[in-house]
Amino acid sequence: MLRSSPRTHSRPTYVFQIYASWCAQNPSKARVVAVCEPRPYRLAKVADESDVSQDLRFSDWKPLAALGRKIADAVVIAILDGEHAECVEVFAKLGYAILCEKVNHERDLE
C-alpha cells in the first residue's frame, strides 16, 4: 500500500507524484519509464525527477499506446473518470498490468 504523508502545505499531491516518489525510494522494485501528463510543468517535474527520456514524455496517453508495444510491465491510470474505460481497454490489449485509480462509473466496470 502506498500512503502519502500528511499534508503540511497547501499544494496538492497528485497521484502520479505519489507513485513516482515511491519508485524513486524503491529503485530495485520499480521505476518510472514514461509519463503522460497534459500540464507541461507537471510533466516536466515528474519526468525530470524520474529521469524519463524525452521520447517517453507525452501530453496524452494515446501516443504512448500508439507505440503498439510494451515498454513497461505495468501502467498506472489516473485520468479523468470518463476516460478510464477506453484507456484501460487499450493498455490491457497491449498486455500491461494495470492499476486504475478512481474507477467509479458503472460503465467503467463492465
C-alpha atoms as a PDB file:
ATOM      1  CA  MET A   1       0.000   0.000   0.000  1.00  0.00           C
ATOM      2  CA  LEU A   2       1.236   3.475  -0.809  1.00  0.00           C
ATOM      3  CA  ARG A   3       0.448   6.318   1.519  1.00  0.00           C
ATOM      4  CA  SER A   4       1.140   9.972   1.109  1.00  0.00           C
ATOM      5  CA  SER A   5       2.489  11.831   4.081  1.00  0.00           C
ATOM      6  CA  PRO A   6       0.092  14.100   5.953  1.00  0.00           C
ATOM      7  CA  ARG A   7      -0.436  17.373   4.179  1.00  0.00           C
ATOM      8  CA  THR A   8       1.648  20.087   5.720  1.00  0.00           C
ATOM      9  CA  HIS A   9       1.265  22.635   2.955  1.00  0.00           C
ATOM     10  CA  SER A  10      -1.446  23.923   0.638  1.00  0.00           C
ATOM     11  CA  ARG A  11      -0.104  22.409  -2.590  1.00  0.00           C
ATOM     12  CA  PRO A  12      -1.983  19.273  -3.609  1.00  0.00           C
ATOM     13  CA  THR A  13      -0.213  15.959  -4.068  1.00  0.00           C
ATOM     14  CA  TYR A  14      -1.079  14.370  -7.373  1.00  0.00           C
ATOM     15  CA  VAL A  15      -1.486  10.633  -7.667  1.00  0.00           C
ATOM     16  CA  PHE A  16       1.336  10.213 -10.177  1.00  0.00           C
ATOM     17  CA  GLN A  17       3.693  12.116  -7.885  1.00  0.00           C
ATOM     18  CA  ILE A  18       2.975   9.643  -5.085  1.00  0.00           C
ATOM     19  CA  TYR A  19       3.785   6.664  -7.297  1.00  0.00           C
ATOM     20  CA  ALA A  20       6.835   8.344  -8.826  1.00  0.00           C
ATOM     21  CA  SER A  21       8.119   9.215  -5.370  1.00  0.00           C
ATOM     22  CA  TRP A  22       7.661   5.610  -4.218  1.00  0.00           C
ATOM     23  CA  CYS A  23       9.556   4.382  -7.279  1.00  0.00           C
ATOM     24  CA  ALA A  24      12.391   6.803  -6.568  1.00  0.00           C
ATOM     25  CA  GLN A  25      12.618   5.498  -2.999  1.00  0.00           C
ATOM     26  CA  ASN A  26      12.471   1.851  -4.131  1.00  0.00           C
ATOM     27  CA  PRO A  27      14.539   1.665  -7.333  1.00  0.00           C
ATOM     28  CA  SER A  28      15.133  -2.071  -7.015  1.00  0.00           C
ATOM     29  CA  LYS A  29      11.363  -2.686  -7.162  1.00  0.00           C
ATOM     30  CA  ALA A  30      10.057  -0.210  -9.734  1.00  0.00           C
ATOM     31  CA  ARG A  31      10.946   2.751 -11.873  1.00  0.00           C
ATOM     32  CA  VAL A  32       9.069   5.270 -13.978  1.00  0.00           C
ATOM     33  CA  VAL A  33       9.870   4.791 -17.670  1.00  0.00           C
ATOM     34  CA  ALA A  34       7.263   7.090 -19.251  1.00  0.00           C
ATOM     35  CA  VAL A  35       4.976   9.922 -18.178  1.00  0.00           C
ATOM     36  CA  CYS A  36       1.711  11.089 -19.750  1.00  0.00           C
ATOM     37  CA  GLU A  37       0.518  14.414 -18.342  1.00  0.00           C
ATOM     38  CA  PRO A  38      -1.322  17.249 -20.143  1.00  0.00           C
ATOM     39  CA  ARG A  39       0.082  20.003 -17.907  1.00  0.00           C
ATOM     40  CA  PRO A  40       3.622  20.768 -19.147  1.00  0.00           C
ATOM     41  CA  TYR A  41       5.042  21.881 -15.799  1.00  0.00           C
ATOM     42  CA  ARG A  42       3.849  18.704 -14.039  1.00  0.00           C
ATOM     43  CA  LEU A  43       5.022  16.523 -16.909  1.00  0.00           C
ATOM     44  CA  ALA A  44       8.477  18.089 -16.734  1.00  0.00           C
ATOM     45  CA  LYS A  45       8.672  17.878 -12.945  1.00  0.00           C
ATOM     46  CA  VAL A  46       7.848  14.179 -12.645  1.00  0.00           C
ATOM     47  CA  ALA A  47       9.726  13.169 -15.792  1.00  0.00           C
ATOM     48  CA  ASP A  48      12.842  15.100 -14.739  1.00  0.00           C
ATOM     49  CA  GLU A  49      12.752  13.696 -11.203  1.00  0.00           C
ATOM     50  CA  SER A  50      12.352  10.183 -12.620  1.00  0.00           C
ATOM     51  CA  ASP A  51      14.983  10.560 -15.372  1.00  0.00           C
ATOM     52  CA  VAL A  52      12.448   9.765 -18.098  1.00  0.00           C
ATOM     53  CA  SER A  53      13.895  10.204 -21.582  1.00  0.00           C
ATOM     54  CA  GLN A  54      12.440  12.964 -23.761  1.00  0.00           C
ATOM     55  CA  ASP A  55      10.944  10.484 -26.234  1.00  0.00           C
ATOM     56  CA  LEU A  56       8.819   8.912 -23.476  1.00  0.00           C
ATOM     57  CA  ARG A  57       7.184  12.125 -22.243  1.00  0.00           C
ATOM     58  CA  PHE A  58       3.652  12.591 -23.533  1.00  0.00           C
ATOM     59  CA  SER A  59       0.909  15.173 -23.065  1.00  0.00           C
ATOM     60  CA  ASP A  60      -1.706  12.443 -23.650  1.00  0.00           C
ATOM     61  CA  TRP A  61      -1.795   8.667 -23.140  1.00  0.00           C
ATOM     62  CA  LYS A  62      -2.767   7.874 -26.734  1.00  0.00           C
ATOM     63  CA  PRO A  63       0.701   8.458 -28.280  1.00  0.00           C
ATOM     64  CA  LEU A  64       2.184   6.071 -25.701  1.00  0.00           C
ATOM     65  CA  ALA A  65      -0.394   3.443 -26.599  1.00  0.00           C
ATOM     66  CA  ALA A  66       0.240   4.121 -30.288  1.00  0.00           C
ATOM     67  CA  LEU A  67       3.781   2.790 -29.864  1.00  0.00           C
ATOM     68  CA  GLY A  68       1.987  -0.555 -30.109  1.00  0.00           C
ATOM     69  CA  ARG A  69       4.379  -2.342 -27.797  1.00  0.00           C
ATOM     70  CA  LYS A  70       5.009  -2.715 -24.106  1.00  0.00           C
ATOM     71  CA  ILE A  71       7.749  -0.556 -22.665  1.00  0.00           C
ATOM     72  CA  ALA A  72       6.982  -1.478 -19.047  1.00  0.00           C
ATOM     73  CA  ASP A  73       5.368  -4.204 -17.013  1.00  0.00           C
ATOM     74  CA  ALA A  74       2.504  -2.018 -15.775  1.00  0.00           C
ATOM     75  CA  VAL A  75       0.703   1.286 -16.181  1.00  0.00           C
ATOM     76  CA  VAL A  76      -0.944   3.494 -13.587  1.00  0.00           C
ATOM     77  CA  ILE A  77      -4.083   5.067 -14.968  1.00  0.00           C
ATOM     78  CA  ALA A  78      -5.053   8.173 -13.022  1.00  0.00           C
ATOM     79  CA  ILE A  79      -7.053  10.206 -15.519  1.00  0.00           C
ATOM     80  CA  LEU A  80     -10.483  11.803 -15.656  1.00  0.00           C
ATOM     81  CA  ASP A  81     -13.226   9.332 -14.804  1.00  0.00           C
ATOM     82  CA  GLY A  82     -14.885   9.432 -18.218  1.00  0.00           C
ATOM     83  CA  GLU A  83     -11.683   8.279 -19.926  1.00  0.00           C
ATOM     84  CA  HIS A  84     -10.948   5.214 -17.778  1.00  0.00           C
ATOM     85  CA  ALA A  85     -12.712   2.587 -19.852  1.00  0.00           C
ATOM     86  CA  GLU A  86     -11.002   3.361 -23.159  1.00  0.00           C
ATOM     87  CA  CYS A  87      -7.569   3.751 -21.596  1.00  0.00           C
ATOM     88  CA  VAL A  88      -7.841   0.506 -19.607  1.00  0.00           C
ATOM     89  CA  GLU A  89      -9.064  -1.393 -22.658  1.00  0.00           C
ATOM     90  CA  VAL A  90      -6.219  -0.176 -24.874  1.00  0.00           C
ATOM     91  CA  PHE A  91      -3.434  -0.918 -22.385  1.00  0.00           C
ATOM     92  CA  ALA A  92      -4.955  -4.283 -21.451  1.00  0.00           C
ATOM     93  CA  LYS A  93      -4.880  -5.307 -25.119  1.00  0.00           C
ATOM     94  CA  LEU A  94      -1.193  -4.370 -25.188  1.00  0.00           C
ATOM     95  CA  GLY A  95      -0.563  -6.744 -22.276  1.00  0.00           C
ATOM     96  CA  TYR A  96       0.100  -4.292 -19.451  1.00  0.00           C
ATOM     97  CA  ALA A  97      -0.730  -4.982 -15.828  1.00  0.00           C
ATOM     98  CA  ILE A  98      -2.990  -2.077 -14.828  1.00  0.00           C
ATOM     99  CA  LEU A  99      -3.509  -0.095 -11.653  1.00  0.00           C
ATOM    100  CA  CYS A 100      -6.519   2.129 -12.323  1.00  0.00           C
ATOM    101  CA  GLU A 101      -7.329   4.926  -9.893  1.00  0.00           C
ATOM    102  CA  LYS A 102     -10.863   6.055  -9.117  1.00  0.00           C
ATOM    103  CA  VAL A 103     -12.977   3.708 -11.202  1.00  0.00           C
ATOM    104  CA  ASN A 104     -16.413   4.799 -10.078  1.00  0.00           C
ATOM    105  CA  HIS A 105     -18.693   4.678 -13.097  1.00  0.00           C
ATOM    106  CA  GLU A 106     -20.742   1.577 -13.805  1.00  0.00           C
ATOM    107  CA  ARG A 107     -19.791   1.709 -17.493  1.00  0.00           C
ATOM    108  CA  ASP A 108     -16.108   1.602 -16.496  1.00  0.00           C
ATOM    109  CA  LEU A 109     -16.668  -1.621 -14.575  1.00  0.00           C
ATOM    110  CA  GLU A 110     -18.314  -3.560 -17.421  1.00  0.00           C
END
